[in-house]
Amino acid sequence: MKNSNVKNAFEQLNGVGLNPLGTAITSLKEIFTWEEAQQNELKGYLISQNFKHHYENNVFYQKVCKESNVSPEDIKTFDDLHKIPVIPVNMFKQTDSHMLLSKPLNEIEFEMRSTGTSGIPSLSRRDSDTVDQCLFGIYAMYRNIFKFSKGAGLFLFPSPEEVPEMGMVKALNMFSGLFDATKCLVKRASFKPEEAIEVLENWEGRHTRHIIGPPFLVYKLVKYLKKNNIRLNLDKNSKVINLGGWKRFTGMEISRSEFNQECSEYLNIPESAVRDMYGLVETNGLSIECEFQNKHVSPWTHFSIRDHKDINKEVRPGRRGVLFIYDPTSLSYPAFIQTEDLVYLKENHQCECGRNSQQVVYLSRIKGAEIGCCAINLEKHMDEVEQKKKSEKVEL
């Protein structure tokens, strides 16, 4: 498709009542082959249309836009996206966060939470259409990058029944629909590596086995294997998939290179089979690593990197800065988010895996930002429960 035809094609879909974003999501394989200019035109169209929706349906956000002297007339192409007013991510923790809604509260289907070290939850609300687009988009990325349709998933995270509003668990549990067998081993804030080993051994010869969870729990399993000199032999196409961040609640950071090396040694998988994912509760997508461990941003979402000393100034790929996310999948609130994450984008838009996309490298939280995410909150809670059990045994 020529660059000049992208916008026209999607406007025609819109004109006959079809969802252009839905078409883009179901055409992910093809769009990943588009040149950067074509993808940018797609982003410009989808994000500008989404901006118009929020401007017209959100009193609070329209006021923010007027104060910035920006209206839908100013956002026509990809080159205009940087003008769109963004919402600082900490606004989702405020008691009046319902003001961010572009849909009435009675249309909200689901509330997702993430709690940092302060204990104040970040609350993002989604209506039915937003939930649809969120699920379709994540599954499209899962299928495109992992190609799962069978096998077994060892889930090192609590079941959604225990933590129904935790975003990390919701996203990871979506893998369950792609496997023949799954086992969730974090129960009542407790995880026993011995049980994980037993499950993996029982699945041997029956399924291709995958391990999925936040890094700290996979790390705990691998450290147990190392301590007890146990080496498992997973399968040819087995993968270790992580979501939730590499910093622990104690402040210690898990070394990614050490993690990859020890997963390879004690699970008998190539380091390229260890995959990390990046996402925020406040947005609807995940950036997922391919076999070359490059985190691909979905081509309908735009990552803008800003100078941390002047957030109005965009920095080029290869330079670190504060991440701004423009996500057009949300209709319930403007998912134009100023994060508290320091990142950079790879300079080469084309990956060795054959996909064309922005590729993000997470570095750290910005100075002064609260250290918090679903994984940190989960680890902290599990540690507190474990310490309580130990103290109760001492008292007995």
Protein backbone atom coordinates (compact mmCIF):
# COMPACT_ATOMS: atom_id res chain seq x y z
CA MET A 1 0.00 0.00 0.00
CA LYS A 2 1.43 3.37 -0.97
CA ASN A 3 1.84 5.90 1.82
CA SER A 4 -0.75 8.30 0.35
CA ASN A 5 -3.38 5.55 0.28
CA VAL A 6 -3.24 4.54 3.96
CA LYS A 7 -5.42 7.32 5.32
CA ASN A 8 -7.89 7.09 2.41
CA ALA A 9 -8.30 3.34 2.90
CA PHE A 10 -9.06 3.68 6.60
CA GLU A 11 -11.40 6.61 6.05
CA GLN A 12 -13.38 4.45 3.63
CA LEU A 13 -13.70 1.75 6.29
CA ASN A 14 -14.91 4.35 8.75
CA GLY A 15 -17.34 5.68 6.17
CA VAL A 16 -19.17 2.35 5.89
CA GLY A 17 -19.34 1.83 9.65
CA LEU A 18 -16.34 -0.48 10.07
CA ASN A 19 -13.75 -0.01 12.78
CA PRO A 20 -10.39 1.08 11.26
CA LEU A 21 -8.54 0.24 14.48
CA GLY A 22 -10.06 -3.25 14.54
CA THR A 23 -8.92 -3.73 10.95
CA ALA A 24 -5.40 -2.65 11.86
CA ILE A 25 -5.29 -5.05 14.82
CA THR A 26 -6.42 -8.02 12.71
CA SER A 27 -3.93 -7.03 10.00
CA LEU A 28 -0.96 -6.91 12.37
CA LYS A 29 1.14 -9.37 10.35
CA GLU A 30 0.83 -7.22 7.23
CA ILE A 31 1.31 -3.88 8.99
CA PHE A 32 4.51 -5.13 10.63
CA THR A 33 5.92 -5.31 7.07
CA TRP A 34 5.00 -1.70 6.20
CA GLU A 35 7.66 0.94 5.92
CA GLU A 36 7.96 3.43 8.77
CA ALA A 37 6.28 6.23 6.79
CA GLN A 38 3.21 4.04 6.14
CA GLN A 39 2.96 3.05 9.79
CA ASN A 40 3.27 6.69 10.80
CA GLU A 41 0.38 7.66 8.54
CA LEU A 42 -1.69 4.88 10.13
CA LYS A 43 -0.81 6.14 13.61
CA GLY A 44 -1.58 9.70 12.62
CA TYR A 45 -5.06 8.74 11.43
CA LEU A 46 -6.00 6.43 14.32
CA ILE A 47 -4.62 8.64 17.09
CA SER A 48 -6.08 11.86 15.65
CA GLN A 49 -9.52 10.22 15.44
CA ASN A 50 -9.18 8.99 19.02
CA PHE A 51 -8.11 12.46 20.15
CA LYS A 52 -11.21 13.95 18.54
CA HIS A 53 -13.41 11.47 20.44
CA HIS A 54 -11.95 12.46 23.80
CA TYR A 55 -11.99 16.17 23.01
CA GLU A 56 -15.70 16.01 22.18
CA ASN A 57 -16.76 13.73 25.04
CA ASN A 58 -14.56 14.66 27.98
CA VAL A 59 -15.20 17.99 29.70
CA PHE A 60 -12.06 17.83 31.82
CA TYR A 61 -9.79 16.87 28.92
CA GLN A 62 -11.31 19.46 26.61
CA LYS A 63 -10.48 22.10 29.21
CA VAL A 64 -6.87 20.84 29.32
CA CYS A 65 -6.72 21.04 25.52
CA LYS A 66 -8.14 24.56 25.41
CA GLU A 67 -5.61 25.69 28.00
CA SER A 68 -2.93 24.31 25.65
CA ASN A 69 -4.69 25.94 22.68
CA VAL A 70 -5.09 22.58 20.90
CA SER A 71 -8.22 21.28 19.15
CA PRO A 72 -8.99 18.47 16.67
CA GLU A 73 -8.37 20.94 13.85
CA ASP A 74 -4.73 21.05 14.93
CA ILE A 75 -4.23 17.28 14.88
CA LYS A 76 -4.43 16.06 11.30
CA THR A 77 -1.30 13.96 10.61
CA PHE A 78 1.43 12.04 12.37
CA ASP A 79 3.56 15.18 12.52
CA ASP A 80 0.91 16.81 14.72
CA LEU A 81 0.76 14.11 17.39
CA HIS A 82 3.34 15.76 19.62
CA LYS A 83 0.86 18.63 20.16
CA ILE A 84 -1.71 16.37 21.86
CA PRO A 85 -1.92 17.18 25.59
CA VAL A 86 -0.93 14.19 27.71
CA ILE A 87 -2.08 13.04 31.14
CA PRO A 88 0.63 12.49 33.80
CA VAL A 89 0.34 8.89 34.92
CA ASN A 90 0.04 9.85 38.59
CA MET A 91 -3.35 11.45 37.86
CA PHE A 92 -4.79 7.92 37.80
CA LYS A 93 -4.01 7.72 41.54
CA GLN A 94 -6.02 10.79 42.46
CA THR A 95 -9.36 10.45 44.24
CA ASP A 96 -11.09 12.38 41.46
CA SER A 97 -9.64 10.21 38.65
CA HIS A 98 -13.20 9.66 37.40
CA MET A 99 -12.80 13.12 35.82
CA LEU A 100 -10.56 11.49 33.23
CA LEU A 101 -13.49 9.54 31.80
CA SER A 102 -14.84 10.16 28.33
CA LYS A 103 -17.63 7.66 28.98
CA PRO A 104 -20.24 7.77 31.76
CA LEU A 105 -19.57 5.65 34.85
CA ASN A 106 -22.58 3.45 34.11
CA GLU A 107 -20.84 2.28 30.90
CA ILE A 108 -17.69 1.17 32.70
CA GLU A 109 -17.29 -2.60 32.52
CA PHE A 110 -13.97 -3.16 34.27
CA GLU A 111 -11.61 -1.39 36.69
CA MET A 112 -7.92 -2.29 36.66
CA ARG A 113 -5.54 -1.44 39.47
CA SER A 114 -1.83 -1.27 40.14
CA THR A 115 -0.38 -0.31 43.51
CA GLY A 116 3.06 1.12 44.17
CA THR A 117 5.03 1.40 47.38
CA SER A 118 2.76 4.18 48.66
CA GLY A 119 -0.20 1.80 48.71
CA ILE A 120 -2.27 4.24 46.64
CA PRO A 121 -3.76 2.36 43.68
CA SER A 122 -3.62 3.56 40.11
CA LEU A 123 -7.15 3.07 38.80
CA SER A 124 -8.00 2.84 35.11
CA ARG A 125 -11.57 2.22 34.03
CA ARG A 126 -12.62 0.59 30.76
CA ASP A 127 -15.93 0.48 28.93
CA SER A 128 -17.00 -2.47 26.79
CA ASP A 129 -15.51 -1.18 23.51
CA THR A 130 -12.19 -0.41 25.19
CA VAL A 131 -12.05 -3.89 26.75
CA ASP A 132 -12.72 -5.39 23.30
CA GLN A 133 -9.92 -3.41 21.66
CA CYS A 134 -7.54 -4.11 24.55
CA LEU A 135 -8.09 -7.87 24.37
CA PHE A 136 -7.94 -8.03 20.57
CA GLY A 137 -4.72 -5.99 20.53
CA ILE A 138 -2.91 -8.05 23.18
CA TYR A 139 -3.96 -11.36 21.63
CA ALA A 140 -2.83 -10.13 18.21
CA MET A 141 0.62 -9.36 19.62
CA TYR A 142 0.79 -12.68 21.51
CA ARG A 143 -0.11 -14.66 18.40
CA ASN A 144 2.18 -12.69 16.08
CA ILE A 145 5.26 -12.98 18.26
CA PHE A 146 4.78 -16.28 20.12
CA LYS A 147 2.49 -18.27 17.78
CA PHE A 148 1.11 -20.27 20.72
CA SER A 149 -1.86 -22.55 20.03
CA LYS A 150 -0.88 -25.56 22.15
CA GLY A 151 1.59 -26.60 24.83
CA ALA A 152 1.56 -26.04 28.58
CA GLY A 153 2.02 -22.89 30.64
CA LEU A 154 3.45 -22.90 34.15
CA PHE A 155 1.99 -19.70 35.61
CA LEU A 156 4.11 -18.17 38.35
CA PHE A 157 1.52 -15.63 39.45
CA PRO A 158 -1.74 -15.70 41.43
CA SER A 159 -4.98 -16.72 39.78
CA PRO A 160 -7.32 -13.89 38.71
CA GLU A 161 -9.74 -15.21 41.32
CA GLU A 162 -7.33 -14.11 44.07
CA VAL A 163 -6.45 -10.72 42.54
CA PRO A 164 -9.21 -9.94 40.00
CA GLU A 165 -8.21 -6.31 39.45
CA MET A 166 -4.43 -6.71 39.05
CA GLY A 167 -3.48 -5.71 35.52
CA MET A 168 -0.34 -7.87 35.30
CA VAL A 169 -2.30 -11.00 36.24
CA LYS A 170 -5.07 -10.22 33.74
CA ALA A 171 -2.58 -9.79 30.90
CA LEU A 172 -0.58 -12.92 31.75
CA ASN A 173 -3.66 -15.05 32.33
CA MET A 174 -4.69 -14.37 28.72
CA PHE A 175 -2.09 -16.97 27.76
CA SER A 176 -4.33 -19.65 29.27
CA GLY A 177 -6.57 -19.59 26.19
CA LEU A 178 -3.60 -20.45 23.98
CA PHE A 179 -2.38 -23.57 25.82
CA ASP A 180 -3.65 -27.13 26.27
CA ALA A 181 -2.68 -27.19 29.95
CA THR A 182 -1.91 -24.55 32.57
CA LYS A 183 -1.03 -24.58 36.24
CA CYS A 184 -1.06 -21.55 38.53
CA LEU A 185 1.34 -22.07 41.43
CA VAL A 186 1.04 -18.88 43.49
CA LYS A 187 -1.70 -19.55 46.00
CA ARG A 188 -2.56 -17.46 49.05
CA ALA A 189 0.60 -15.41 48.47
CA SER A 190 2.78 -18.52 48.59
CA PHE A 191 5.05 -20.11 45.97
CA LYS A 192 7.00 -23.35 46.41
CA PRO A 193 9.68 -24.04 43.76
CA GLU A 194 9.46 -27.80 44.50
CA GLU A 195 5.88 -27.80 43.17
CA ALA A 196 6.98 -26.04 39.99
CA ILE A 197 9.65 -28.67 39.35
CA GLU A 198 7.11 -31.46 39.91
CA VAL A 199 4.63 -29.95 37.45
CA LEU A 200 7.28 -29.41 34.78
CA GLU A 201 8.50 -32.99 35.15
CA ASN A 202 4.93 -34.35 34.93
CA TRP A 203 4.43 -32.46 31.66
CA GLU A 204 7.65 -33.80 30.12
CA GLY A 205 7.03 -35.65 26.88
CA ARG A 206 3.38 -34.53 26.78
CA HIS A 207 3.59 -30.78 26.13
CA THR A 208 6.00 -28.08 25.09
CA ARG A 209 6.53 -26.38 28.46
CA HIS A 210 6.60 -22.63 29.01
CA ILE A 211 7.18 -20.61 32.20
CA ILE A 212 5.31 -17.30 32.52
CA GLY A 213 5.39 -14.74 35.31
CA PRO A 214 7.10 -11.67 36.79
CA PRO A 215 10.91 -11.86 36.85
CA PHE A 216 11.18 -12.11 40.64
CA LEU A 217 9.24 -15.39 40.75
CA VAL A 218 11.04 -16.97 37.78
CA TYR A 219 14.26 -15.79 39.46
CA LYS A 220 13.19 -17.52 42.67
CA LEU A 221 12.65 -20.80 40.80
CA VAL A 222 15.98 -20.61 38.99
CA LYS A 223 17.85 -19.73 42.20
CA TYR A 224 16.29 -22.78 43.86
CA LEU A 225 17.48 -24.96 40.97
CA LYS A 226 20.96 -23.47 41.25
CA LYS A 227 21.14 -23.87 45.04
CA ASN A 228 20.13 -27.53 44.82
CA ASN A 229 22.18 -28.24 41.68
CA ILE A 230 19.07 -29.26 39.71
CA ARG A 231 19.02 -28.90 35.95
CA LEU A 232 15.77 -29.27 34.06
CA ASN A 233 15.53 -30.03 30.36
CA LEU A 234 12.70 -28.04 28.85
CA ASP A 235 11.68 -28.48 25.23
CA LYS A 236 13.00 -27.27 21.89
CA ASN A 237 10.51 -24.39 21.63
CA SER A 238 10.04 -23.67 25.35
CA LYS A 239 10.02 -20.03 26.42
CA VAL A 240 10.32 -18.05 29.63
CA ILE A 241 8.06 -14.99 29.39
CA ASN A 242 8.28 -12.14 31.88
CA LEU A 243 6.11 -9.16 32.71
CA GLY A 244 6.32 -6.85 35.68
CA GLY A 245 9.71 -5.18 35.91
CA TRP A 246 13.17 -6.15 37.08
CA LYS A 247 13.42 -4.06 40.24
CA ARG A 248 12.37 -5.78 43.46
CA PHE A 249 10.50 -4.16 46.36
CA THR A 250 13.74 -4.18 48.38
CA GLY A 251 15.31 -1.88 45.78
CA MET A 252 17.58 -4.59 44.38
CA GLU A 253 17.48 -4.98 40.62
CA ILE A 254 17.62 -8.37 38.95
CA SER A 255 20.40 -8.50 36.35
CA ARG A 256 18.87 -9.30 32.96
CA SER A 257 22.10 -10.78 31.60
CA GLU A 258 22.52 -13.00 34.68
CA PHE A 259 18.84 -13.97 34.51
CA ASN A 260 19.13 -15.00 30.83
CA GLN A 261 22.31 -16.96 31.47
CA GLU A 262 20.96 -18.88 34.47
CA CYS A 263 17.61 -19.63 32.79
CA SER A 264 19.59 -21.07 29.89
CA GLU A 265 21.84 -23.13 32.17
CA TYR A 266 19.24 -24.53 34.58
CA LEU A 267 16.29 -24.90 32.19
CA ASN A 268 18.33 -25.96 29.14
CA ILE A 269 16.91 -23.33 26.79
CA PRO A 270 18.72 -20.79 24.58
CA GLU A 271 19.00 -17.29 26.02
CA SER A 272 16.92 -16.07 23.06
CA ALA A 273 13.97 -18.04 24.51
CA VAL A 274 13.84 -15.68 27.49
CA ARG A 275 11.39 -12.93 26.56
CA ASP A 276 10.39 -9.79 28.44
CA MET A 277 7.30 -7.63 27.95
CA TYR A 278 6.66 -4.00 28.86
CA GLY A 279 3.33 -2.36 29.60
CA LEU A 280 1.41 0.00 31.87
CA VAL A 281 -1.90 -0.64 33.60
CA GLU A 282 -3.07 2.73 32.27
CA THR A 283 -2.60 1.73 28.63
CA ASN A 284 -3.97 -1.23 26.67
CA GLY A 285 -0.95 -2.71 24.97
CA LEU A 286 2.22 -4.68 25.60
CA SER A 287 5.58 -4.23 23.92
CA ILE A 288 6.89 -7.76 23.43
CA GLU A 289 10.35 -9.12 22.75
CA CYS A 290 10.97 -11.14 19.61
CA GLU A 291 13.63 -13.84 19.29
CA PHE A 292 16.27 -11.11 19.05
CA GLN A 293 15.02 -9.68 22.37
CA ASN A 294 13.87 -6.41 20.85
CA LYS A 295 10.65 -5.09 22.41
CA HIS A 296 8.25 -4.31 19.58
CA VAL A 297 5.65 -1.58 20.04
CA SER A 298 2.31 -2.35 18.40
CA PRO A 299 2.14 -0.33 15.14
CA TRP A 300 -1.09 1.48 16.10
CA THR A 301 0.51 2.87 19.27
CA HIS A 302 3.11 5.65 19.24
CA PHE A 303 5.96 6.09 21.70
CA SER A 304 7.37 9.61 21.90
CA ILE A 305 10.60 10.11 23.89
CA ARG A 306 11.02 13.51 25.54
CA ASP A 307 14.00 15.29 27.00
CA HIS A 308 13.77 14.81 30.78
CA LYS A 309 14.89 18.43 31.29
CA ASP A 310 12.33 19.79 28.80
CA ILE A 311 9.42 17.41 28.20
CA ASN A 312 8.19 19.56 25.32
CA LYS A 313 11.28 18.59 23.37
CA GLU A 314 11.29 15.25 21.54
CA VAL A 315 14.60 13.36 21.35
CA ARG A 316 15.66 11.17 18.45
CA PRO A 317 15.95 7.35 18.56
CA GLY A 318 19.02 6.22 20.45
CA ARG A 319 18.72 9.04 23.00
CA ARG A 320 17.24 8.40 26.42
CA GLY A 321 14.28 10.34 27.70
CA VAL A 322 10.86 10.24 29.35
CA LEU A 323 8.32 8.01 27.64
CA PHE A 324 5.06 9.51 26.35
CA ILE A 325 2.52 6.98 25.06
CA TYR A 326 -0.25 7.69 22.53
CA ASP A 327 -2.64 4.72 22.60
CA PRO A 328 -5.77 4.97 20.39
CA THR A 329 -7.43 1.81 21.74
CA SER A 330 -8.98 3.54 24.76
CA LEU A 331 -12.40 5.15 24.41
CA SER A 332 -13.15 5.37 28.13
CA TYR A 333 -10.35 7.85 28.91
CA PRO A 334 -7.55 9.54 26.92
CA ALA A 335 -4.67 7.06 26.92
CA PHE A 336 -2.22 9.79 26.02
CA ILE A 337 0.09 9.20 28.95
CA GLN A 338 3.17 10.90 30.33
CA THR A 339 4.90 8.00 32.07
CA GLU A 340 7.53 8.10 34.79
CA ASP A 341 9.80 5.76 32.83
CA LEU A 342 13.18 6.54 31.32
CA VAL A 343 13.65 4.69 28.02
CA TYR A 344 15.12 4.96 24.57
CA LEU A 345 14.08 3.71 21.13
CA LYS A 346 16.34 1.61 18.94
CA GLU A 347 17.64 3.57 15.96
CA ASN A 348 16.82 0.86 13.44
CA HIS A 349 13.07 0.61 12.78
CA GLN A 350 13.52 -2.76 11.05
CA CYS A 351 14.36 -5.72 13.25
CA GLU A 352 16.29 -8.84 12.26
CA CYS A 353 13.10 -10.80 12.94
CA GLY A 354 11.49 -9.11 9.91
CA ARG A 355 9.11 -6.84 11.84
CA ASN A 356 9.13 -3.09 11.32
CA SER A 357 8.20 -1.12 14.44
CA GLN A 358 9.43 1.13 17.17
CA GLN A 359 11.57 -0.91 19.56
CA VAL A 360 11.72 0.31 23.14
CA VAL A 361 14.45 -0.24 25.71
CA TYR A 362 13.41 0.35 29.31
CA LEU A 363 16.11 1.87 31.53
CA SER A 364 14.62 2.96 34.86
CA ARG A 365 12.07 5.10 36.62
CA ILE A 366 12.75 8.82 36.42
CA LYS A 367 14.39 10.42 39.44
CA GLY A 368 11.87 11.05 42.21
CA ALA A 369 9.20 8.73 40.79
CA GLU A 370 7.56 6.18 43.04
CA ILE A 371 8.94 2.69 42.52
CA GLY A 372 5.86 0.62 42.05
CA CYS A 373 4.08 -1.83 39.81
CA CYS A 374 1.95 -4.96 40.09
CA ALA A 375 5.01 -7.18 40.45
CA ILE A 376 6.58 -5.10 43.23
CA ASN A 377 3.29 -4.96 45.10
CA LEU A 378 2.85 -8.73 44.71
CA GLU A 379 6.37 -9.51 45.88
CA LYS A 380 6.03 -7.20 48.86
CA HIS A 381 2.74 -8.84 49.86
CA MET A 382 4.18 -12.35 49.46
CA ASP A 383 7.21 -11.41 51.57
CA GLU A 384 4.99 -9.97 54.32
CA VAL A 385 2.89 -13.16 54.39
CA GLU A 386 6.03 -15.31 54.50
CA GLN A 387 7.52 -13.28 57.36
CA LYS A 388 4.25 -13.51 59.27
CA LYS A 389 4.20 -17.30 58.90
CA LYS A 390 7.79 -17.51 60.16
CA SER A 391 7.04 -15.33 63.21
CA GLU A 392 3.95 -17.45 64.03
CA LYS A 393 6.10 -20.61 63.96
CA VAL A 394 8.64 -19.01 66.32
CA GLU A 395 5.85 -18.08 68.76
CA LEU A 396 4.59 -21.69 68.77
